[in-house]
C-alpha cells in the first residue's frame, strides 16, 4: 500500500477558484484508476498552485491516503444520491432557485465516472483514458454493450467544456469516434509509478536460467498468443506471462501451451506480487508487449525504467509512449516476430547507451508533470468562467 503523505502547506489566496477533483476511484486503490486518482490528488497538493483551490470528491475513508496533507483541504463525500443517474431527475426542479455556482469547474477523472456537478452551470473537465472497447473484436452479443458505452461517453462529452486524454493516440481516437463539436482536447501524459522494491530471491515459479517476460491480465486484446509462435522459433528461450489468468483467454493460452508442448518453456504464474513483478522486469532478457490496444502502456515504461529492451506492437499509443527507445513487431507471424526480435536484440547490445537512454525516457513521464498539466487545464477553465461572469 502507498505510504501516507507528509504534511504540506495549505495556504491559498482568498478567492481562488474552487475545482472539484473526482477521486471516487480511490475505493479501488490497487487498480489503475485508483492509483491515478492517488497520484493526481497528492501531486496537486504538492504543487501548492495559487491559481485554484482543490476540492476532493472522496469515498468514505479515502482521506487517509493523503495523511496530514489533507489538513485544510476541502472535501465532498461520495454518496449514491450524488450519481448523475439520480441528479438528472432532480435538477430541473431546483435549477430556478440555484444561487451562484459554488465551483469554478468539476474534473470527472475518467470516462466511466457516474458523478457530475449538480449545478449545470459548472463546467466539466472530462478525462478519457481510452476507447479500448472499440478496438476489440466483439461478439454479436457485445455489440449492443459497445454502443451503450459509446453513447454514455458521448453524453459526458456533450456535458464537458474540455476533454483531456493520456496520449495523442487517444485524442485522435476520440476525435474519430465522438462528436466533439469544437470542444478543446488537451493531452496530459500519465506518470510512471515508482518501482516497487524487487524481491530478493528468484520467484519460486521460475527455475534458474534466462527468460523473456510479459505482464497483463489475460484478455484477448493483449495478444499474448502470438508470443507462443515466437517462442517456438527461439530455441532455448523461455517466456513468463504474468497476470490474471482466470479468464477465457487465459484458459485458451494454457490449452495452447499444453497442445504445443511448451509447458517447460512458457510459465503462467497468474497474478504476482509487486516485488516479484519488479524482479521479473529487472532480470528478464527482454520485455515483450504485443498488445493490440493501449490507451497509454505502463508496462512499456516500467520495463524501460529497468533498462530492458522492449518489443511491442506498432499499434495505438505504444509507439508514442515508447518514442525511439523500443523495438517493434510489424507483423504477428512467428517468422516476422523472430526476425524483429533478433534484429532488435542486436541493436540493443551494440549500443552502450541504449539502457540509459530508455531509463531517461521513461523517467520523463512523472506524476508531477501530469499534475502541472492538469493545473494548467483547470486554470484555463477557471479563467473562462471569470470572463463569462
Protein backbone atom coordinates (compact mmCIF):
# COMPACT_ATOMS: atom_id res chain seq x y z
CA UNK A 1 0.00 0.00 0.00
CA UNK A 2 1.20 3.56 -0.67
CA UNK A 3 2.68 5.31 2.39
CA UNK A 4 0.88 8.28 3.94
CA UNK A 5 1.75 11.68 2.56
CA UNK A 6 3.93 14.05 4.57
CA UNK A 7 2.42 17.33 5.79
CA UNK A 8 2.14 20.13 3.25
CA UNK A 9 1.38 23.81 3.48
CA UNK A 10 -2.20 24.62 2.53
CA UNK A 11 -2.08 28.42 2.27
CA UNK A 12 -4.06 29.78 -0.66
CA UNK A 13 -5.06 33.29 -1.60
CA UNK A 14 -8.62 34.22 -0.71
CA UNK A 15 -10.99 33.89 -3.63
CA UNK A 16 -9.02 31.24 -5.54
CA UNK A 17 -11.40 29.30 -7.81
CA UNK A 18 -12.59 26.02 -6.29
CA UNK A 19 -12.09 22.99 -8.55
CA UNK A 20 -13.71 19.68 -7.63
CA UNK A 21 -11.48 16.68 -8.45
CA UNK A 22 -13.35 13.37 -8.60
CA UNK A 23 -11.20 10.86 -6.70
CA UNK A 24 -14.01 8.34 -6.23
CA UNK A 25 -11.89 5.53 -7.67
CA UNK A 26 -9.74 5.59 -4.55
CA UNK A 27 -12.17 2.95 -3.31
CA UNK A 28 -10.22 0.62 -5.62
CA UNK A 29 -6.76 1.79 -4.58
CA UNK A 30 -4.86 -1.04 -6.30
CA UNK A 31 -6.46 -0.68 -9.73
CA UNK A 32 -5.10 1.63 -12.42
CA UNK A 33 -7.73 4.33 -11.92
CA UNK A 34 -7.26 4.15 -8.15
CA UNK A 35 -3.52 4.77 -8.47
CA UNK A 36 -4.13 7.55 -10.99
CA UNK A 37 -6.51 9.22 -8.51
CA UNK A 38 -4.00 8.83 -5.68
CA UNK A 39 -1.09 10.36 -7.60
CA UNK A 40 -3.21 13.15 -9.08
CA UNK A 41 -4.50 14.17 -5.65
CA UNK A 42 -1.11 14.02 -3.96
CA UNK A 43 0.70 15.91 -6.67
CA UNK A 44 -1.96 18.62 -6.89
CA UNK A 45 -1.47 19.19 -3.17
CA UNK A 46 2.29 19.24 -3.56
CA UNK A 47 2.11 21.84 -6.31
CA UNK A 48 0.54 24.33 -3.90
CA UNK A 49 -0.64 26.18 -7.01
CA UNK A 50 -2.15 29.56 -6.11
CA UNK A 51 -4.34 29.61 -9.21
CA UNK A 52 -7.05 27.30 -7.84
CA UNK A 53 -8.27 25.58 -4.68
CA UNK A 54 -8.76 21.79 -4.99
CA UNK A 55 -11.89 20.23 -3.53
CA UNK A 56 -11.51 16.45 -3.29
CA UNK A 57 -14.57 14.31 -4.05
CA UNK A 58 -13.77 11.24 -1.95
CA UNK A 59 -15.31 7.92 -0.95
CA UNK A 60 -15.69 7.31 2.77
CA UNK A 61 -12.34 6.79 4.49
CA UNK A 62 -10.22 7.70 1.45
CA UNK A 63 -8.80 10.86 3.03
CA UNK A 64 -6.30 8.63 4.86
CA UNK A 65 -4.33 8.22 1.63
CA UNK A 66 -3.26 11.85 1.90
CA UNK A 67 -2.12 11.65 5.52
CA UNK A 68 -1.55 15.01 7.20
CA UNK A 69 -1.57 16.68 3.78
CA UNK A 70 -5.37 16.59 3.85
CA UNK A 71 -5.37 19.19 6.64
CA UNK A 72 -7.15 22.24 5.33
CA UNK A 73 -8.26 20.53 2.12
CA UNK A 74 -11.96 20.86 1.41
CA UNK A 75 -13.68 17.57 0.66
CA UNK A 76 -17.01 16.32 -0.60
CA UNK A 77 -18.13 12.80 0.25
CA UNK A 78 -19.28 10.37 -2.42
CA UNK A 79 -22.88 9.25 -1.92
CA UNK A 80 -25.32 7.24 -4.08
CA UNK A 81 -27.74 10.15 -4.37
CA UNK A 82 -24.96 12.25 -5.95
CA UNK A 83 -24.80 9.99 -9.01
CA UNK A 84 -25.79 11.64 -12.26
CA UNK A 85 -28.44 8.94 -12.78
CA UNK A 86 -30.26 10.39 -9.75
CA UNK A 87 -29.36 14.07 -10.08
CA UNK A 88 -30.65 14.48 -13.62
CA UNK A 89 -34.21 13.82 -12.43
CA UNK A 90 -33.99 16.33 -9.57
CA UNK A 91 -32.04 19.07 -11.34
CA UNK A 92 -34.92 20.60 -13.38
CA UNK A 93 -36.96 21.24 -10.23
CA UNK A 94 -34.26 23.09 -8.30
CA UNK A 95 -32.43 24.86 -11.11
CA UNK A 96 -34.62 28.01 -10.91
CA UNK A 97 -33.61 28.56 -7.28
CA UNK A 98 -29.88 27.80 -7.55
CA UNK A 99 -27.65 30.59 -6.30
CA UNK A 100 -24.22 31.50 -7.59
CA UNK A 101 -22.22 28.40 -8.72
CA UNK A 102 -20.21 27.00 -5.84
CA UNK A 103 -17.37 25.70 -8.02
CA UNK A 104 -15.36 27.02 -10.96
CA UNK A 105 -15.06 23.54 -12.52
CA UNK A 106 -15.55 19.84 -11.88
CA UNK A 107 -12.96 17.29 -13.03
CA UNK A 108 -14.52 13.95 -13.98
CA UNK A 109 -11.30 11.93 -13.88
CA UNK A 110 -12.37 9.02 -16.05
CA UNK A 111 -14.87 8.39 -18.82
CA UNK A 112 -16.78 5.88 -16.67
CA UNK A 113 -17.46 8.29 -13.82
CA UNK A 114 -21.05 8.29 -12.57
CA UNK A 115 -20.69 11.69 -10.93
CA UNK A 116 -21.14 15.16 -12.42
CA UNK A 117 -21.84 18.54 -10.78
CA UNK A 118 -25.40 19.10 -9.64
CA UNK A 119 -25.27 22.68 -10.92
CA UNK A 120 -25.44 22.55 -14.75
CA UNK A 121 -23.57 25.85 -14.98
CA UNK A 122 -20.37 24.35 -13.55
CA UNK A 123 -18.01 23.46 -16.44
CA UNK A 124 -16.72 19.89 -16.58
CA UNK A 125 -13.18 18.77 -17.38
CA UNK A 126 -13.52 15.19 -18.64
CA UNK A 127 -10.58 12.78 -18.80
CA UNK A 128 -10.93 9.97 -21.34
CA UNK A 129 -8.20 7.41 -20.71
CA UNK A 130 -9.01 5.16 -23.66
CA UNK A 131 -11.66 3.82 -26.02
CA UNK A 132 -10.20 0.32 -25.96
CA UNK A 133 -13.60 -1.33 -26.16
CA UNK A 134 -13.93 -0.05 -29.73
CA UNK A 135 -10.73 -1.82 -30.81
CA UNK A 136 -11.61 -5.29 -29.64
CA UNK A 137 -13.39 -7.76 -31.90
CA UNK A 138 -16.75 -8.05 -30.12
CA UNK A 139 -19.07 -11.00 -30.44
CA UNK A 140 -22.55 -10.20 -31.73
CA UNK A 141 -23.95 -10.16 -28.20
CA UNK A 142 -21.38 -7.47 -27.25
CA UNK A 143 -22.31 -5.02 -30.00
CA UNK A 144 -25.20 -3.54 -28.02
CA UNK A 145 -22.97 -3.10 -24.96
CA UNK A 146 -20.35 -1.36 -27.11
CA UNK A 147 -22.96 1.03 -28.47
CA UNK A 148 -24.17 1.80 -24.95
CA UNK A 149 -20.64 2.55 -23.75
CA UNK A 150 -20.01 4.91 -26.64
CA UNK A 151 -23.36 6.65 -26.14
CA UNK A 152 -22.56 7.13 -22.44
CA UNK A 153 -19.21 8.72 -23.30
CA UNK A 154 -20.90 10.94 -25.89
CA UNK A 155 -23.30 12.23 -23.21
CA UNK A 156 -20.37 13.09 -20.95
CA UNK A 157 -18.54 14.82 -23.81
CA UNK A 158 -21.70 16.83 -24.53
CA UNK A 159 -21.70 17.94 -20.89
CA UNK A 160 -17.97 18.72 -20.79
CA UNK A 161 -16.25 22.01 -21.53
CA UNK A 162 -12.79 20.48 -22.02
CA UNK A 163 -11.55 16.96 -22.81
CA UNK A 164 -8.21 15.59 -21.57
CA UNK A 165 -6.54 12.38 -22.77
CA UNK A 166 -3.42 10.49 -21.73
CA UNK A 167 -1.93 10.30 -25.23
CA UNK A 168 -2.13 11.81 -28.69
CA UNK A 169 -3.45 8.47 -29.91
CA UNK A 170 -6.44 8.59 -27.57
CA UNK A 171 -7.05 12.22 -28.55
CA UNK A 172 -7.24 11.23 -32.22
CA UNK A 173 -9.35 8.18 -31.34
CA UNK A 174 -11.83 10.40 -29.50
CA UNK A 175 -11.96 12.79 -32.45
CA UNK A 176 -12.76 9.88 -34.78
CA UNK A 177 -15.50 8.26 -32.71
CA UNK A 178 -17.08 11.07 -30.68
CA UNK A 179 -18.75 14.31 -31.72
CA UNK A 180 -16.61 16.98 -30.09
CA UNK A 181 -18.47 19.94 -31.57
CA UNK A 182 -15.42 22.16 -31.34
CA UNK A 183 -14.54 21.39 -27.73
CA UNK A 184 -10.80 21.54 -26.99
CA UNK A 185 -8.83 18.37 -26.32
CA UNK A 186 -5.65 18.52 -24.21
CA UNK A 187 -3.08 15.72 -23.93
CA UNK A 188 -1.66 15.25 -20.43
CA UNK A 189 0.52 12.11 -20.24
CA UNK A 190 0.42 9.98 -17.12
CA UNK A 191 3.34 9.42 -14.80
CA UNK A 192 5.22 6.19 -14.27
CA UNK A 193 4.77 4.66 -10.81
CA UNK A 194 7.85 4.43 -8.62
CA UNK A 195 9.20 0.88 -8.93
CA UNK A 196 8.41 -1.46 -6.07
CA UNK A 197 11.30 -3.00 -4.18
CA UNK A 198 12.25 -6.13 -6.09
CA UNK A 199 12.07 -9.47 -4.35
CA UNK A 200 15.47 -10.54 -3.08
CA UNK A 201 15.08 -14.07 -4.43
CA UNK A 202 14.07 -15.55 -7.77
CA UNK A 203 10.31 -16.24 -7.74
CA UNK A 204 9.62 -19.86 -6.80
CA UNK A 205 7.65 -20.50 -10.00
CA UNK A 206 10.70 -19.79 -12.20
CA UNK A 207 13.65 -22.15 -12.38
CA UNK A 208 17.21 -20.93 -12.99
CA UNK A 209 18.18 -19.56 -16.38
CA UNK A 210 17.39 -16.62 -18.70
CA UNK A 211 13.82 -15.74 -19.67
CA UNK A 212 11.64 -13.30 -21.59
CA UNK A 213 8.80 -11.50 -19.81
CA UNK A 214 5.36 -10.00 -20.40
CA UNK A 215 2.65 -8.89 -18.00
CA UNK A 216 -1.04 -8.10 -18.10
CA UNK A 217 -4.42 -9.59 -17.40
CA UNK A 218 -5.14 -12.35 -19.89
CA UNK A 219 -7.58 -10.59 -22.21
CA UNK A 220 -7.77 -11.08 -25.96
CA UNK A 221 -6.51 -7.62 -26.86
CA UNK A 222 -3.22 -8.33 -25.07
CA UNK A 223 -2.45 -10.65 -27.99
CA UNK A 224 -0.24 -12.92 -25.87
CA UNK A 225 -0.91 -15.99 -28.01
CA UNK A 226 1.34 -14.69 -30.79
CA UNK A 227 4.25 -14.98 -28.37
CA UNK A 228 3.85 -18.75 -28.44
CA UNK A 229 4.67 -18.69 -32.16
CA UNK A 230 7.70 -16.55 -31.33
CA UNK A 231 8.94 -18.85 -28.57
CA UNK A 232 8.71 -21.82 -30.91
CA UNK A 233 11.20 -20.05 -33.16
CA UNK A 234 13.60 -19.10 -30.38
CA UNK A 235 15.32 -22.35 -29.35
CA UNK A 236 16.17 -22.45 -25.68
CA UNK A 237 14.25 -19.28 -24.81
CA UNK A 238 11.65 -19.27 -22.04
CA UNK A 239 8.74 -16.89 -21.50
CA UNK A 240 6.92 -15.75 -18.35
CA UNK A 241 3.36 -14.43 -18.86
CA UNK A 242 2.36 -12.84 -15.53
CA UNK A 243 -1.12 -11.55 -14.77
CA UNK A 244 -4.64 -12.68 -14.03
CA UNK A 245 -5.20 -15.90 -15.98
CA UNK A 246 -8.67 -16.95 -14.73
CA UNK A 247 -10.27 -15.63 -17.91
CA UNK A 248 -11.50 -17.35 -21.09
CA UNK A 249 -8.44 -16.06 -22.92
CA UNK A 250 -6.17 -17.25 -20.12
CA UNK A 251 -7.71 -20.72 -20.34
CA UNK A 252 -7.16 -20.65 -24.11
CA UNK A 253 -3.49 -19.77 -23.61
CA UNK A 254 -2.97 -22.60 -21.14
CA UNK A 255 -4.56 -25.09 -23.57
CA UNK A 256 -2.37 -23.84 -26.41
CA UNK A 257 0.76 -24.15 -24.28
CA UNK A 258 -0.14 -27.77 -23.47
CA UNK A 259 -1.07 -28.70 -27.06
CA UNK A 260 2.18 -27.23 -28.41
CA UNK A 261 4.29 -28.97 -25.81
CA UNK A 262 5.60 -25.67 -24.40
CA UNK A 263 4.83 -26.29 -20.73
CA UNK A 264 8.55 -26.38 -19.87
CA UNK A 265 9.24 -23.12 -21.75
CA UNK A 266 6.18 -20.91 -21.10
CA UNK A 267 5.30 -20.15 -17.48
CA UNK A 268 1.94 -18.63 -16.48
CA UNK A 269 2.11 -17.99 -12.72
CA UNK A 270 -1.05 -15.86 -12.63
CA UNK A 271 -1.03 -12.64 -10.62
CA UNK A 272 2.29 -12.00 -8.91
CA UNK A 273 3.37 -9.76 -6.05
CA UNK A 274 4.75 -6.28 -6.73
CA UNK A 275 8.17 -7.49 -5.61
CA UNK A 276 8.16 -10.50 -7.93
CA UNK A 277 6.93 -8.40 -10.85
CA UNK A 278 9.76 -5.93 -10.32
CA UNK A 279 12.27 -8.81 -10.08
CA UNK A 280 11.00 -10.11 -13.41
CA UNK A 281 11.36 -6.68 -15.01
CA UNK A 282 14.91 -6.29 -13.73
CA UNK A 283 16.17 -9.77 -14.66
CA UNK A 284 14.44 -10.55 -17.97
CA UNK A 285 16.44 -10.69 -21.21
CA UNK A 286 13.74 -8.62 -22.90
CA UNK A 287 10.21 -7.43 -22.29
CA UNK A 288 7.57 -8.37 -24.90
CA UNK A 289 4.29 -6.46 -25.27
CA UNK A 290 2.31 -7.37 -28.41
CA UNK A 291 -0.90 -5.67 -27.20
CA UNK A 292 -3.29 -4.53 -29.89
CA UNK A 293 -4.85 -1.65 -27.99
CA UNK A 294 -3.46 0.51 -25.18
CA UNK A 295 -4.52 3.96 -24.08
CA UNK A 296 -1.11 4.50 -22.51
CA UNK A 297 1.00 1.40 -21.87
CA UNK A 298 2.51 1.47 -18.37
CA UNK A 299 4.38 -1.87 -18.73
CA UNK A 300 6.46 -0.50 -21.60
CA UNK A 301 7.75 2.36 -19.45
CA UNK A 302 8.15 0.18 -16.37
CA UNK A 303 10.40 -2.16 -18.34
CA UNK A 304 12.35 0.79 -19.77
CA UNK A 305 12.93 2.09 -16.24
CA UNK A 306 14.84 -1.14 -15.69
CA UNK A 307 16.89 -0.60 -18.84
CA UNK A 308 15.47 -3.65 -20.58
CA UNK A 309 14.98 -3.94 -24.36
CA UNK A 310 11.25 -3.66 -25.05
CA UNK A 311 9.48 -5.23 -28.04
CA UNK A 312 5.92 -4.12 -28.73
CA UNK A 313 3.16 -3.67 -31.25
CA UNK A 314 3.29 -0.72 -33.56
CA UNK A 315 -0.33 -0.07 -32.61
CA UNK A 316 -2.43 2.55 -30.84
CA UNK A 317 -0.47 4.59 -28.24
CA UNK A 318 2.58 2.33 -27.92
CA UNK A 319 4.91 3.96 -30.48
CA UNK A 320 4.08 7.37 -28.99
CA UNK A 321 4.81 6.24 -25.44
CA UNK A 322 7.99 4.35 -26.36
CA UNK A 323 9.39 7.14 -28.50
CA UNK A 324 12.56 5.99 -30.25
CA UNK A 325 13.53 3.64 -27.44
CA UNK A 326 11.63 0.47 -28.30
CA UNK A 327 11.62 -2.26 -30.92
CA UNK A 328 8.51 -3.13 -32.87
CA UNK A 329 6.61 -6.11 -34.21
CA UNK A 330 5.22 -5.02 -37.57
CA UNK A 331 3.57 -8.41 -38.17
CA UNK A 332 2.47 -11.20 -35.86
CA UNK A 333 3.50 -14.35 -37.67
CA UNK A 334 6.23 -16.26 -35.90
CA UNK A 335 8.93 -15.76 -38.55
CA UNK A 336 8.43 -11.98 -38.72
CA UNK A 337 8.43 -11.66 -34.94
CA UNK A 338 11.59 -13.76 -34.60
CA UNK A 339 13.36 -11.60 -37.21
CA UNK A 340 12.28 -8.44 -35.35
CA UNK A 341 13.45 -9.93 -32.05
CA UNK A 342 16.93 -10.87 -33.23
CA UNK A 343 17.36 -7.57 -35.07
CA UNK A 344 16.30 -5.56 -32.03
CA UNK A 345 18.46 -7.53 -29.62
CA UNK A 346 21.44 -6.98 -31.90
CA UNK A 347 20.83 -3.23 -31.99
CA UNK A 348 20.31 -3.08 -28.22
CA UNK A 349 23.52 -4.91 -27.37
CA UNK A 350 25.57 -2.94 -29.90
CA UNK A 351 24.51 0.40 -28.38
CA UNK A 352 26.17 1.01 -24.99
CA UNK A 353 23.80 3.92 -24.32
CA UNK A 354 20.55 2.08 -25.07
CA UNK A 355 19.68 1.16 -21.49
CA UNK A 356 20.47 4.62 -20.10
CA UNK A 357 18.52 6.37 -22.84
CA UNK A 358 15.50 4.14 -22.20
CA UNK A 359 15.61 4.86 -18.47
CA UNK A 360 15.88 8.62 -19.05
CA UNK A 361 12.95 8.49 -21.47
CA UNK A 362 10.73 6.62 -19.00
CA UNK A 363 11.65 8.94 -16.11
CA UNK A 364 10.36 11.91 -18.10
CA UNK A 365 6.81 10.59 -17.53
CA UNK A 366 6.34 11.92 -14.00
CA UNK A 367 3.22 12.36 -11.88
CA UNK A 368 4.38 15.88 -11.03
CA UNK A 369 4.45 16.81 -14.71
CA UNK A 370 1.00 15.28 -15.11
CA UNK A 371 -0.37 17.36 -12.22
CA UNK A 372 1.13 20.52 -13.71
CA UNK A 373 -0.64 19.74 -16.96
CA UNK A 374 -3.97 19.39 -15.20
CA UNK A 375 -3.35 22.55 -13.18
CA UNK A 376 -2.96 24.44 -16.45
CA UNK A 377 -6.22 23.00 -17.76
CA UNK A 378 -8.04 23.95 -14.55
CA UNK A 379 -6.64 27.47 -14.65
CA UNK A 380 -7.77 27.90 -18.24
CA UNK A 381 -11.30 26.74 -17.47
CA UNK A 382 -11.48 28.91 -14.34
CA UNK A 383 -10.26 31.94 -16.31
CA UNK A 384 -13.01 31.34 -18.87
CA UNK A 385 -15.59 31.20 -16.09
CA UNK A 386 -14.34 34.51 -14.66
CA UNK A 387 -14.55 36.16 -18.06
CA UNK A 388 -18.14 34.98 -18.53
CA UNK A 389 -19.05 36.12 -15.02
